[in-house]
Amino acid sequence: MDQKLSRRQLGALAAPLALAIAAGRGAGISLAQDSDTPLLAPTPACGDAEDFAETRSQTEGPYFTPNSPERMSLLDEGMPGTKLVVTGYVYSTDCTPIEDALVDFWQCDDAGVYDNVGYTLRGHQFTDADGRYELTTIVPGNYPGRTRHIHVKAQKPNADVLTSQLYFPDEPGNESDGIFDPSLVMDLADAEDGEGKAGFFTFVLA
């Protein structure tokens, strides 16, 4: 494959296969020679400034709550909304997967409301030996004045915390949101099992 792939293009190709890999069996970033023939491949070649530039930071916003529960699924029984599974990796800028990186997510519910009393739709987890994480949640609603987004903090062991946000492609509110950053848009597709959406994003930490 002669065409150079950006980090987000790698994510788009990896999403269907990454979602099919059970926890603990991930092996690097997945590539696809074409849409019908996914395969596992070594981690991409290093040295591309675009591919391994540090993920951009963004405002924490007013609704962060510390000490969230450790969990990979934020779903509660009967929770309304479209199911969303986001998978991806945490890498360093030198193209090394980061094991035991903290990723902490929080978001509003389907109606655009944050839980500021408890820990609904809040939780953190740690990456596996391949630097992989998997978050099961719902597509957040539209919070007034903002486009659709998920908040995140990412931190490799004993290092500074990156605070950022993940965005959704083709959202009407992206253009009018004053802090929207296209480099933070997830790759998104219909889930292979037909239940909701599948997202993919790789965080790159300094």
N, C-alpha and C. Protein backbone atom coordinates (compact mmCIF):
# COMPACT_ATOMS: atom_id res chain seq x y z
N MET A 1 0.86 -1.17 0.00
CA MET A 1 0.00 0.00 0.00
C MET A 1 0.90 1.22 0.00
N ASP A 2 0.96 1.97 -1.11
CA ASP A 2 1.90 3.07 -1.25
C ASP A 2 1.40 4.35 -0.60
N GLN A 3 0.10 4.50 -0.51
CA GLN A 3 -0.44 5.74 0.04
C GLN A 3 -0.15 5.82 1.52
N LYS A 4 0.39 6.96 1.95
CA LYS A 4 0.66 7.17 3.38
C LYS A 4 -0.65 7.42 4.10
N LEU A 5 -0.84 6.71 5.21
CA LEU A 5 -2.06 6.85 5.99
C LEU A 5 -1.82 7.76 7.18
N SER A 6 -2.73 8.69 7.40
CA SER A 6 -2.65 9.50 8.60
C SER A 6 -3.13 8.69 9.79
N ARG A 7 -2.92 9.24 11.02
CA ARG A 7 -3.36 8.55 12.23
C ARG A 7 -4.86 8.31 12.20
N ARG A 8 -5.64 9.30 11.74
CA ARG A 8 -7.09 9.13 11.71
C ARG A 8 -7.51 8.15 10.63
N GLN A 9 -6.78 8.10 9.49
CA GLN A 9 -7.10 7.10 8.48
C GLN A 9 -6.82 5.70 9.01
N LEU A 10 -5.74 5.54 9.76
CA LEU A 10 -5.47 4.26 10.41
C LEU A 10 -6.62 3.88 11.32
N GLY A 11 -7.13 4.86 12.06
CA GLY A 11 -8.25 4.60 12.95
C GLY A 11 -9.47 4.15 12.20
N ALA A 12 -9.76 4.77 11.06
CA ALA A 12 -10.94 4.41 10.29
C ALA A 12 -10.86 2.98 9.79
N LEU A 13 -9.66 2.57 9.38
CA LEU A 13 -9.49 1.20 8.91
C LEU A 13 -9.53 0.22 10.06
N ALA A 14 -9.04 0.64 11.22
CA ALA A 14 -8.92 -0.28 12.34
C ALA A 14 -10.24 -0.53 13.04
N ALA A 15 -11.18 0.40 12.97
CA ALA A 15 -12.36 0.33 13.82
C ALA A 15 -13.12 -0.98 13.75
N PRO A 16 -13.48 -1.49 12.56
CA PRO A 16 -14.28 -2.72 12.56
C PRO A 16 -13.57 -3.89 13.21
N LEU A 17 -12.26 -4.02 12.97
CA LEU A 17 -11.55 -5.16 13.53
C LEU A 17 -11.25 -4.96 14.99
N ALA A 18 -10.92 -3.75 15.37
CA ALA A 18 -10.60 -3.49 16.78
C ALA A 18 -11.76 -3.84 17.67
N LEU A 19 -12.98 -3.59 17.22
CA LEU A 19 -14.15 -3.89 18.03
C LEU A 19 -14.37 -5.39 18.16
N ALA A 20 -13.82 -6.16 17.24
CA ALA A 20 -14.03 -7.61 17.26
C ALA A 20 -13.00 -8.33 18.11
N ILE A 21 -11.94 -7.61 18.55
CA ILE A 21 -10.88 -8.25 19.32
C ILE A 21 -11.26 -8.25 20.78
N ALA A 22 -11.28 -9.38 21.40
CA ALA A 22 -11.62 -9.45 22.82
C ALA A 22 -10.53 -8.80 23.64
N ALA A 23 -10.91 -8.32 24.82
CA ALA A 23 -9.95 -7.66 25.70
C ALA A 23 -8.82 -8.62 26.01
N GLY A 24 -7.58 -8.12 25.92
CA GLY A 24 -6.41 -8.95 26.20
C GLY A 24 -5.86 -9.62 24.97
N ARG A 25 -6.54 -9.54 23.82
CA ARG A 25 -6.05 -10.20 22.62
C ARG A 25 -5.61 -9.20 21.58
N GLY A 26 -5.72 -7.90 21.86
CA GLY A 26 -5.32 -6.90 20.89
C GLY A 26 -3.84 -7.02 20.57
N ALA A 27 -3.47 -6.73 19.32
CA ALA A 27 -2.08 -6.86 18.92
C ALA A 27 -1.71 -5.72 17.98
N GLY A 28 -1.52 -4.54 18.51
CA GLY A 28 -1.13 -3.42 17.68
C GLY A 28 -2.31 -2.78 16.98
N ILE A 29 -2.02 -1.92 16.01
CA ILE A 29 -3.05 -1.24 15.26
C ILE A 29 -3.40 -2.06 14.03
N SER A 30 -4.68 -2.21 13.75
CA SER A 30 -5.15 -3.03 12.65
C SER A 30 -5.23 -2.22 11.37
N LEU A 31 -4.89 -2.85 10.26
CA LEU A 31 -5.02 -2.24 8.95
C LEU A 31 -5.93 -3.10 8.10
N ALA A 32 -6.44 -2.55 6.99
CA ALA A 32 -7.24 -3.32 6.04
C ALA A 32 -6.74 -3.01 4.64
N GLN A 33 -6.41 -4.03 3.88
CA GLN A 33 -5.98 -3.82 2.50
C GLN A 33 -7.14 -3.29 1.67
N ASP A 34 -8.33 -3.76 1.98
CA ASP A 34 -9.54 -3.21 1.39
C ASP A 34 -10.65 -3.41 2.41
N SER A 35 -11.85 -2.94 2.09
CA SER A 35 -12.92 -2.94 3.07
C SER A 35 -13.39 -4.34 3.43
N ASP A 36 -13.06 -5.35 2.61
CA ASP A 36 -13.55 -6.70 2.86
C ASP A 36 -12.48 -7.62 3.45
N THR A 37 -11.24 -7.16 3.55
CA THR A 37 -10.17 -8.05 3.98
C THR A 37 -9.37 -7.44 5.10
N PRO A 38 -9.92 -7.40 6.31
CA PRO A 38 -9.16 -6.85 7.43
C PRO A 38 -8.06 -7.81 7.87
N LEU A 39 -6.96 -7.29 8.36
CA LEU A 39 -5.88 -8.13 8.87
C LEU A 39 -5.14 -7.38 9.94
N LEU A 40 -4.44 -8.14 10.78
CA LEU A 40 -3.60 -7.52 11.80
C LEU A 40 -2.26 -7.18 11.18
N ALA A 41 -1.74 -6.02 11.52
CA ALA A 41 -0.46 -5.59 10.99
C ALA A 41 0.38 -5.03 12.10
N PRO A 42 1.70 -4.93 11.89
CA PRO A 42 2.54 -4.30 12.91
C PRO A 42 2.12 -2.86 13.12
N THR A 43 2.58 -2.29 14.22
CA THR A 43 2.30 -0.87 14.45
C THR A 43 2.85 -0.07 13.28
N PRO A 44 2.23 1.06 12.95
CA PRO A 44 2.66 1.83 11.78
C PRO A 44 4.06 2.38 11.93
N ALA A 45 4.69 2.68 10.80
CA ALA A 45 6.05 3.21 10.81
C ALA A 45 6.09 4.53 11.57
N CYS A 46 7.14 4.74 12.32
CA CYS A 46 7.27 5.95 13.11
C CYS A 46 7.93 7.05 12.31
N GLY A 47 7.91 8.25 12.87
CA GLY A 47 8.64 9.35 12.28
C GLY A 47 7.79 10.34 11.53
N ASP A 48 6.48 10.07 11.37
CA ASP A 48 5.59 10.99 10.68
C ASP A 48 5.04 11.98 11.69
N ALA A 49 5.37 13.25 11.53
CA ALA A 49 4.97 14.26 12.51
C ALA A 49 3.47 14.35 12.63
N GLU A 50 2.74 14.17 11.51
CA GLU A 50 1.28 14.26 11.56
C GLU A 50 0.69 13.07 12.30
N ASP A 51 1.22 11.87 12.00
CA ASP A 51 0.66 10.66 12.59
C ASP A 51 0.85 10.63 14.09
N PHE A 52 1.98 11.12 14.60
CA PHE A 52 2.28 10.95 16.01
C PHE A 52 2.50 12.28 16.73
N ALA A 53 1.81 13.29 16.25
CA ALA A 53 1.77 14.54 16.99
C ALA A 53 0.92 14.36 18.23
N GLU A 54 1.28 15.05 19.30
CA GLU A 54 0.55 14.93 20.56
C GLU A 54 -0.91 15.35 20.37
N THR A 55 -1.82 14.59 20.95
CA THR A 55 -3.23 14.93 20.92
C THR A 55 -3.43 16.29 21.58
N ARG A 56 -4.25 17.12 20.96
CA ARG A 56 -4.43 18.48 21.44
C ARG A 56 -5.28 18.52 22.71
N SER A 57 -4.90 19.42 23.60
CA SER A 57 -5.66 19.58 24.83
C SER A 57 -6.84 20.51 24.60
N GLN A 58 -7.85 20.38 25.47
CA GLN A 58 -9.02 21.24 25.43
C GLN A 58 -9.49 21.50 26.86
N THR A 59 -10.40 22.45 26.98
CA THR A 59 -10.90 22.83 28.29
C THR A 59 -11.57 21.66 29.00
N GLU A 60 -11.43 21.63 30.31
CA GLU A 60 -12.06 20.60 31.12
C GLU A 60 -13.57 20.81 31.19
N GLY A 61 -14.02 22.04 31.12
CA GLY A 61 -15.43 22.33 31.29
C GLY A 61 -15.81 22.34 32.76
N PRO A 62 -17.04 22.68 33.06
CA PRO A 62 -17.45 22.86 34.46
C PRO A 62 -17.92 21.60 35.18
N TYR A 63 -17.96 20.45 34.48
CA TYR A 63 -18.67 19.31 35.06
C TYR A 63 -17.78 18.10 35.35
N PHE A 64 -16.48 18.28 35.45
CA PHE A 64 -15.61 17.17 35.81
C PHE A 64 -15.81 16.81 37.28
N THR A 65 -15.88 15.50 37.57
CA THR A 65 -15.97 15.01 38.94
C THR A 65 -14.81 14.03 39.18
N PRO A 66 -13.94 14.28 40.14
CA PRO A 66 -12.83 13.36 40.38
C PRO A 66 -13.30 12.06 41.01
N ASN A 67 -12.39 11.09 41.04
CA ASN A 67 -12.62 9.81 41.71
C ASN A 67 -13.77 9.02 41.09
N SER A 68 -13.87 9.05 39.77
CA SER A 68 -14.89 8.25 39.09
C SER A 68 -14.61 6.77 39.28
N PRO A 69 -15.63 5.90 39.16
CA PRO A 69 -15.40 4.46 39.31
C PRO A 69 -14.58 3.90 38.15
N GLU A 70 -13.80 2.87 38.45
CA GLU A 70 -13.05 2.19 37.39
C GLU A 70 -13.99 1.20 36.69
N ARG A 71 -14.23 1.42 35.42
CA ARG A 71 -15.13 0.56 34.65
C ARG A 71 -14.98 0.86 33.17
N MET A 72 -15.23 -0.17 32.35
CA MET A 72 -15.16 -0.01 30.91
C MET A 72 -16.51 0.32 30.30
N SER A 73 -17.58 0.05 31.01
CA SER A 73 -18.92 0.35 30.53
C SER A 73 -19.58 1.38 31.42
N LEU A 74 -20.14 2.42 30.80
CA LEU A 74 -20.86 3.45 31.53
C LEU A 74 -22.37 3.25 31.44
N LEU A 75 -22.80 2.16 30.84
CA LEU A 75 -24.22 1.91 30.65
C LEU A 75 -24.89 1.47 31.95
N ASP A 76 -26.07 1.99 32.20
CA ASP A 76 -26.93 1.53 33.28
C ASP A 76 -28.17 0.90 32.67
N GLU A 77 -28.77 -0.04 33.38
CA GLU A 77 -29.96 -0.72 32.88
C GLU A 77 -31.06 0.29 32.58
N GLY A 78 -31.64 0.17 31.39
CA GLY A 78 -32.73 1.04 31.00
C GLY A 78 -32.32 2.43 30.56
N MET A 79 -31.03 2.69 30.45
CA MET A 79 -30.56 4.02 30.06
C MET A 79 -30.96 4.31 28.61
N PRO A 80 -31.64 5.42 28.35
CA PRO A 80 -32.01 5.75 26.97
C PRO A 80 -30.80 6.23 26.18
N GLY A 81 -30.87 6.07 24.87
CA GLY A 81 -29.80 6.56 24.02
C GLY A 81 -29.28 5.48 23.09
N THR A 82 -28.48 5.89 22.14
CA THR A 82 -27.86 4.99 21.17
C THR A 82 -26.55 4.47 21.72
N LYS A 83 -26.42 3.15 21.76
CA LYS A 83 -25.19 2.54 22.27
C LYS A 83 -24.00 2.95 21.41
N LEU A 84 -22.88 3.22 22.08
CA LEU A 84 -21.64 3.61 21.42
C LEU A 84 -20.48 2.87 22.07
N VAL A 85 -19.69 2.19 21.26
CA VAL A 85 -18.46 1.56 21.75
C VAL A 85 -17.28 2.25 21.08
N VAL A 86 -16.45 2.88 21.90
CA VAL A 86 -15.26 3.57 21.40
C VAL A 86 -14.04 2.75 21.78
N THR A 87 -13.26 2.38 20.80
CA THR A 87 -12.01 1.68 21.07
C THR A 87 -10.86 2.49 20.51
N GLY A 88 -9.68 2.17 20.96
CA GLY A 88 -8.51 2.86 20.44
C GLY A 88 -7.29 2.53 21.27
N TYR A 89 -6.27 3.33 21.10
CA TYR A 89 -4.98 3.11 21.75
C TYR A 89 -4.49 4.40 22.38
N VAL A 90 -3.57 4.24 23.31
CA VAL A 90 -2.81 5.37 23.82
C VAL A 90 -1.35 5.11 23.47
N TYR A 91 -0.77 6.02 22.69
CA TYR A 91 0.60 5.90 22.21
C TYR A 91 1.40 7.10 22.68
N SER A 92 2.72 6.93 22.73
CA SER A 92 3.61 8.05 22.94
C SER A 92 4.01 8.63 21.59
N THR A 93 4.56 9.83 21.61
CA THR A 93 4.96 10.47 20.36
C THR A 93 6.11 9.75 19.67
N ASP A 94 6.78 8.81 20.35
CA ASP A 94 7.82 8.03 19.71
C ASP A 94 7.28 6.70 19.20
N CYS A 95 5.95 6.61 19.06
CA CYS A 95 5.30 5.45 18.45
C CYS A 95 5.35 4.21 19.33
N THR A 96 5.27 4.39 20.64
CA THR A 96 5.29 3.28 21.58
C THR A 96 3.93 3.17 22.27
N PRO A 97 3.29 2.00 22.26
CA PRO A 97 2.04 1.86 23.01
C PRO A 97 2.29 2.02 24.50
N ILE A 98 1.36 2.65 25.19
CA ILE A 98 1.54 2.93 26.61
C ILE A 98 0.63 2.02 27.43
N GLU A 99 1.23 1.11 28.16
CA GLU A 99 0.49 0.21 29.05
C GLU A 99 0.13 0.95 30.34
N ASP A 100 -1.03 0.62 30.89
CA ASP A 100 -1.50 1.20 32.15
C ASP A 100 -1.69 2.71 32.09
N ALA A 101 -1.95 3.24 30.90
CA ALA A 101 -2.32 4.65 30.80
C ALA A 101 -3.74 4.82 31.34
N LEU A 102 -3.96 5.88 32.08
CA LEU A 102 -5.28 6.20 32.59
C LEU A 102 -6.08 6.92 31.51
N VAL A 103 -7.31 6.49 31.26
CA VAL A 103 -8.24 7.24 30.42
C VAL A 103 -9.54 7.38 31.21
N ASP A 104 -9.94 8.62 31.44
CA ASP A 104 -11.08 8.95 32.28
C ASP A 104 -12.10 9.71 31.42
N PHE A 105 -13.32 9.17 31.31
CA PHE A 105 -14.33 9.73 30.43
C PHE A 105 -15.52 10.26 31.23
N TRP A 106 -16.10 11.36 30.76
CA TRP A 106 -17.38 11.83 31.32
C TRP A 106 -18.14 12.56 30.22
N GLN A 107 -19.48 12.52 30.32
CA GLN A 107 -20.32 13.07 29.27
C GLN A 107 -21.74 13.31 29.79
N CYS A 108 -22.52 14.03 28.99
CA CYS A 108 -23.93 14.22 29.32
C CYS A 108 -24.74 13.02 28.83
N ASP A 109 -25.98 12.93 29.28
CA ASP A 109 -26.84 11.82 28.87
C ASP A 109 -27.53 12.13 27.55
N ASP A 110 -28.47 11.29 27.18
CA ASP A 110 -29.16 11.41 25.90
C ASP A 110 -29.95 12.71 25.79
N ALA A 111 -30.32 13.28 26.94
CA ALA A 111 -31.09 14.53 26.95
C ALA A 111 -30.18 15.76 27.09
N GLY A 112 -28.87 15.57 27.11
CA GLY A 112 -27.94 16.68 27.23
C GLY A 112 -27.69 17.14 28.65
N VAL A 113 -27.95 16.27 29.64
CA VAL A 113 -27.83 16.63 31.06
C VAL A 113 -26.67 15.85 31.69
N TYR A 114 -25.82 16.55 32.45
CA TYR A 114 -24.73 15.92 33.19
C TYR A 114 -25.22 15.53 34.59
N ASP A 115 -24.75 14.39 35.07
CA ASP A 115 -25.00 14.00 36.46
C ASP A 115 -23.90 14.63 37.32
N ASN A 116 -24.26 15.66 38.09
CA ASN A 116 -23.29 16.34 38.95
C ASN A 116 -23.43 15.96 40.42
N VAL A 117 -24.19 14.89 40.66
CA VAL A 117 -24.38 14.39 42.02
C VAL A 117 -23.70 13.04 42.18
N GLY A 118 -23.91 12.15 41.22
CA GLY A 118 -23.31 10.82 41.26
C GLY A 118 -22.31 10.64 40.13
N TYR A 119 -22.24 9.41 39.62
CA TYR A 119 -21.23 9.07 38.61
C TYR A 119 -21.85 8.46 37.36
N THR A 120 -23.09 8.84 37.06
CA THR A 120 -23.70 8.37 35.82
C THR A 120 -22.92 8.89 34.62
N LEU A 121 -22.58 7.99 33.71
CA LEU A 121 -21.83 8.32 32.49
C LEU A 121 -20.47 8.94 32.82
N ARG A 122 -19.87 8.39 33.86
CA ARG A 122 -18.52 8.77 34.26
C ARG A 122 -17.75 7.51 34.64
N GLY A 123 -16.51 7.42 34.25
CA GLY A 123 -15.71 6.27 34.62
C GLY A 123 -14.31 6.34 34.04
N HIS A 124 -13.39 5.62 34.67
CA HIS A 124 -12.03 5.56 34.16
C HIS A 124 -11.59 4.12 34.00
N GLN A 125 -10.54 3.92 33.22
CA GLN A 125 -9.96 2.60 33.00
C GLN A 125 -8.49 2.77 32.66
N PHE A 126 -7.78 1.62 32.55
CA PHE A 126 -6.36 1.63 32.23
C PHE A 126 -6.12 0.78 30.99
N THR A 127 -5.20 1.23 30.15
CA THR A 127 -4.93 0.50 28.92
C THR A 127 -4.22 -0.83 29.19
N ASP A 128 -4.39 -1.76 28.25
CA ASP A 128 -3.74 -3.06 28.38
C ASP A 128 -2.30 -3.01 27.86
N ALA A 129 -1.67 -4.15 27.72
CA ALA A 129 -0.26 -4.20 27.33
C ALA A 129 -0.02 -3.63 25.95
N ASP A 130 -1.05 -3.59 25.10
CA ASP A 130 -0.94 -3.03 23.75
C ASP A 130 -1.32 -1.56 23.71
N GLY A 131 -1.61 -0.97 24.88
CA GLY A 131 -2.03 0.41 24.91
C GLY A 131 -3.47 0.61 24.51
N ARG A 132 -4.26 -0.45 24.55
CA ARG A 132 -5.63 -0.41 24.04
C ARG A 132 -6.63 -0.14 25.16
N TYR A 133 -7.67 0.62 24.83
CA TYR A 133 -8.80 0.84 25.73
C TYR A 133 -10.09 0.53 24.99
N GLU A 134 -11.16 0.33 25.72
CA GLU A 134 -12.49 0.12 25.13
C GLU A 134 -13.55 0.71 26.05
N LEU A 135 -14.32 1.64 25.54
CA LEU A 135 -15.36 2.31 26.31
C LEU A 135 -16.72 1.99 25.72
N THR A 136 -17.63 1.50 26.57
CA THR A 136 -19.02 1.29 26.16
C THR A 136 -19.88 2.34 26.83
N THR A 137 -20.61 3.10 26.03
CA THR A 137 -21.39 4.21 26.56
C THR A 137 -22.58 4.44 25.63
N ILE A 138 -23.11 5.66 25.62
CA ILE A 138 -24.13 6.05 24.66
C ILE A 138 -23.66 7.29 23.92
N VAL A 139 -24.26 7.54 22.78
CA VAL A 139 -24.01 8.79 22.07
C VAL A 139 -24.58 9.92 22.93
N PRO A 140 -23.76 10.89 23.33
CA PRO A 140 -24.28 11.96 24.19
C PRO A 140 -25.28 12.84 23.46
N GLY A 141 -26.19 13.43 24.23
CA GLY A 141 -27.14 14.36 23.65
C GLY A 141 -26.48 15.69 23.33
N ASN A 142 -27.27 16.62 22.84
CA ASN A 142 -26.76 17.95 22.52
C ASN A 142 -26.87 18.84 23.75
N TYR A 143 -25.72 19.20 24.29
CA TYR A 143 -25.68 20.12 25.42
C TYR A 143 -25.81 21.55 24.88
N PRO A 144 -26.65 22.39 25.48
CA PRO A 144 -26.88 23.74 24.94
C PRO A 144 -25.59 24.52 24.71
N GLY A 145 -25.44 25.05 23.52
CA GLY A 145 -24.28 25.87 23.19
C GLY A 145 -23.07 25.10 22.72
N ARG A 146 -23.13 23.77 22.74
CA ARG A 146 -21.99 22.95 22.33
C ARG A 146 -22.43 21.93 21.30
N THR A 147 -21.46 21.49 20.50
CA THR A 147 -21.71 20.36 19.64
C THR A 147 -21.56 19.07 20.44
N ARG A 148 -21.95 17.96 19.88
CA ARG A 148 -21.89 16.67 20.59
C ARG A 148 -20.43 16.32 20.91
N HIS A 149 -20.16 15.89 22.15
CA HIS A 149 -18.77 15.63 22.54
C HIS A 149 -18.71 14.73 23.77
N ILE A 150 -17.54 14.14 23.98
CA ILE A 150 -17.22 13.36 25.17
C ILE A 150 -15.94 13.93 25.76
N HIS A 151 -15.93 14.17 27.07
CA HIS A 151 -14.74 14.66 27.75
C HIS A 151 -13.82 13.50 28.10
N VAL A 152 -12.53 13.79 28.14
CA VAL A 152 -11.57 12.73 28.48
C VAL A 152 -10.33 13.34 29.12
N LYS A 153 -9.76 12.60 30.05
CA LYS A 153 -8.42 12.85 30.55
C LYS A 153 -7.58 11.60 30.27
N ALA A 154 -6.39 11.80 29.77
CA ALA A 154 -5.49 10.67 29.48
C ALA A 154 -4.14 10.96 30.11
N GLN A 155 -3.57 9.93 30.73
CA GLN A 155 -2.31 10.13 31.46
C GLN A 155 -1.50 8.85 31.44
N LYS A 156 -0.26 8.95 30.97
CA LYS A 156 0.62 7.81 31.13
C LYS A 156 1.18 7.82 32.54
N PRO A 157 1.63 6.66 33.05
CA PRO A 157 2.05 6.59 34.45
C PRO A 157 3.10 7.65 34.80
N ASN A 158 2.88 8.32 35.91
CA ASN A 158 3.83 9.29 36.46
C ASN A 158 4.14 10.42 35.49
N ALA A 159 3.11 10.91 34.81
CA ALA A 159 3.30 11.99 33.85
C ALA A 159 2.15 12.98 33.96
N ASP A 160 2.24 14.05 33.21
CA ASP A 160 1.20 15.05 33.21
C ASP A 160 -0.08 14.51 32.60
N VAL A 161 -1.20 15.10 32.96
CA VAL A 161 -2.51 14.69 32.46
C VAL A 161 -2.87 15.52 31.23
N LEU A 162 -3.30 14.84 30.18
CA LEU A 162 -3.88 15.51 29.02
C LEU A 162 -5.39 15.59 29.23
N THR A 163 -5.96 16.78 29.17
CA THR A 163 -7.40 16.98 29.22
C THR A 163 -7.87 17.38 27.83
N SER A 164 -8.86 16.66 27.30
CA SER A 164 -9.29 16.94 25.94
C SER A 164 -10.76 16.55 25.77
N GLN A 165 -11.22 16.55 24.52
CA GLN A 165 -12.59 16.16 24.20
C GLN A 165 -12.59 15.39 22.89
N LEU A 166 -13.54 14.49 22.75
CA LEU A 166 -13.73 13.76 21.50
C LEU A 166 -15.00 14.26 20.83
N TYR A 167 -14.93 14.39 19.50
CA TYR A 167 -16.06 14.90 18.74
C TYR A 167 -16.56 13.87 17.73
N PHE A 168 -17.73 14.15 17.19
CA PHE A 168 -18.40 13.25 16.26
C PHE A 168 -18.40 13.86 14.86
N PRO A 169 -18.18 13.04 13.83
CA PRO A 169 -18.16 13.59 12.48
C PRO A 169 -19.55 14.00 12.00
N ASP A 170 -19.56 14.99 11.11
CA ASP A 170 -20.78 15.40 10.41
C ASP A 170 -21.88 15.91 11.34
N GLU A 171 -21.49 16.44 12.48
CA GLU A 171 -22.47 17.02 13.38
C GLU A 171 -22.79 18.46 12.94
N PRO A 172 -24.07 18.83 12.87
CA PRO A 172 -24.41 20.20 12.48
C PRO A 172 -23.78 21.25 13.38
N GLY A 173 -23.58 20.92 14.66
CA GLY A 173 -23.05 21.90 15.60
C GLY A 173 -21.55 22.09 15.54
N ASN A 174 -20.84 21.26 14.77
CA ASN A 174 -19.38 21.38 14.74
C ASN A 174 -18.93 22.75 14.25
N GLU A 175 -19.58 23.26 13.22
CA GLU A 175 -19.14 24.52 12.62
C GLU A 175 -19.37 25.71 13.55
N SER A 176 -20.39 25.65 14.37
CA SER A 176 -20.72 26.79 15.22
C SER A 176 -20.10 26.71 16.62
N ASP A 177 -19.51 25.57 16.96
CA ASP A 177 -18.91 25.40 18.28
C ASP A 177 -17.55 26.08 18.30
N GLY A 178 -17.37 27.05 19.20
CA GLY A 178 -16.17 27.86 19.21
C GLY A 178 -14.89 27.12 19.55
N ILE A 179 -14.98 25.95 20.22
CA ILE A 179 -13.75 25.23 20.57
C ILE A 179 -13.62 23.90 19.83
N PHE A 180 -14.54 23.62 18.92
CA PHE A 180 -14.45 22.38 18.13
C PHE A 180 -13.10 22.30 17.43
N ASP A 181 -12.49 21.11 17.47
CA ASP A 181 -11.19 20.88 16.84
C ASP A 181 -11.30 19.65 15.95
N PRO A 182 -11.15 19.78 14.64
CA PRO A 182 -11.30 18.62 13.75
C PRO A 182 -10.30 17.50 14.00
N SER A 183 -9.16 17.83 14.63
CA SER A 183 -8.19 16.76 14.90
C SER A 183 -8.66 15.82 16.00
N LEU A 184 -9.74 16.20 16.70
CA LEU A 184 -10.27 15.38 17.80
C LEU A 184 -11.55 14.66 17.42
N VAL A 185 -11.86 14.60 16.13
CA VAL A 185 -13.05 13.89 15.66
C VAL A 185 -12.76 12.40 15.60
N MET A 186 -13.62 11.61 16.21
CA MET A 186 -13.50 10.16 16.14
C MET A 186 -13.86 9.65 14.75
N ASP A 187 -13.30 8.52 14.36
CA ASP A 187 -13.83 7.78 13.24
C ASP A 187 -15.06 7.03 13.75
N LEU A 188 -16.14 7.07 13.00
CA LEU A 188 -17.42 6.55 13.47
C LEU A 188 -18.11 5.77 12.37
N ALA A 189 -18.71 4.65 12.75
CA ALA A 189 -19.45 3.81 11.81
C ALA A 189 -20.55 3.10 12.56
N ASP A 190 -21.46 2.47 11.82
CA ASP A 190 -22.46 1.60 12.44
C ASP A 190 -21.75 0.40 13.04
N ALA A 191 -22.17 -0.05 14.21
CA ALA A 191 -21.58 -1.23 14.84
C ALA A 191 -21.84 -2.46 13.98
N GLU A 192 -20.87 -3.37 13.95
CA GLU A 192 -21.00 -4.57 13.12
C GLU A 192 -22.17 -5.44 13.56
N ASP A 193 -22.50 -5.43 14.86
CA ASP A 193 -23.61 -6.25 15.34
C ASP A 193 -24.96 -5.57 15.16
N GLY A 194 -24.94 -4.38 14.56
CA GLY A 194 -26.19 -3.67 14.32
C GLY A 194 -26.73 -2.91 15.52
N GLU A 195 -26.00 -2.94 16.63
CA GLU A 195 -26.46 -2.26 17.85
C GLU A 195 -25.67 -0.99 18.08
N GLY A 196 -26.17 0.11 17.56
CA GLY A 196 -25.57 1.40 17.83
C GLY A 196 -24.40 1.74 16.93
N LYS A 197 -23.44 2.45 17.49
CA LYS A 197 -22.31 3.00 16.75
C LYS A 197 -20.98 2.48 17.28
N ALA A 198 -19.99 2.49 16.41
CA ALA A 198 -18.63 2.09 16.76
C ALA A 198 -17.70 3.25 16.46
N GLY A 199 -16.93 3.67 17.45
CA GLY A 199 -16.00 4.76 17.27
C GLY A 199 -14.57 4.30 17.48
N PHE A 200 -13.61 5.08 16.95
CA PHE A 200 -12.19 4.74 17.12
C PHE A 200 -11.40 6.03 17.24
N PHE A 201 -10.47 6.05 18.23
CA PHE A 201 -9.58 7.21 18.38
C PHE A 201 -8.33 6.77 19.11
N THR A 202 -7.17 7.21 18.60
CA THR A 202 -5.90 6.96 19.27
C THR A 202 -5.37 8.24 19.90
N PHE A 203 -5.11 8.19 21.19
CA PHE A 203 -4.51 9.33 21.89
C PHE A 203 -2.99 9.22 21.81
N VAL A 204 -2.34 10.34 21.56
CA VAL A 204 -0.88 10.38 21.52
C VAL A 204 -0.41 11.35 22.59
N LEU A 205 0.39 10.84 23.52
CA LEU A 205 0.84 11.63 24.67
C LEU A 205 2.34 11.93 24.57
N ALA A 206 2.71 13.12 24.99
CA ALA A 206 4.11 13.48 25.00
C ALA A 206 4.85 12.69 26.06
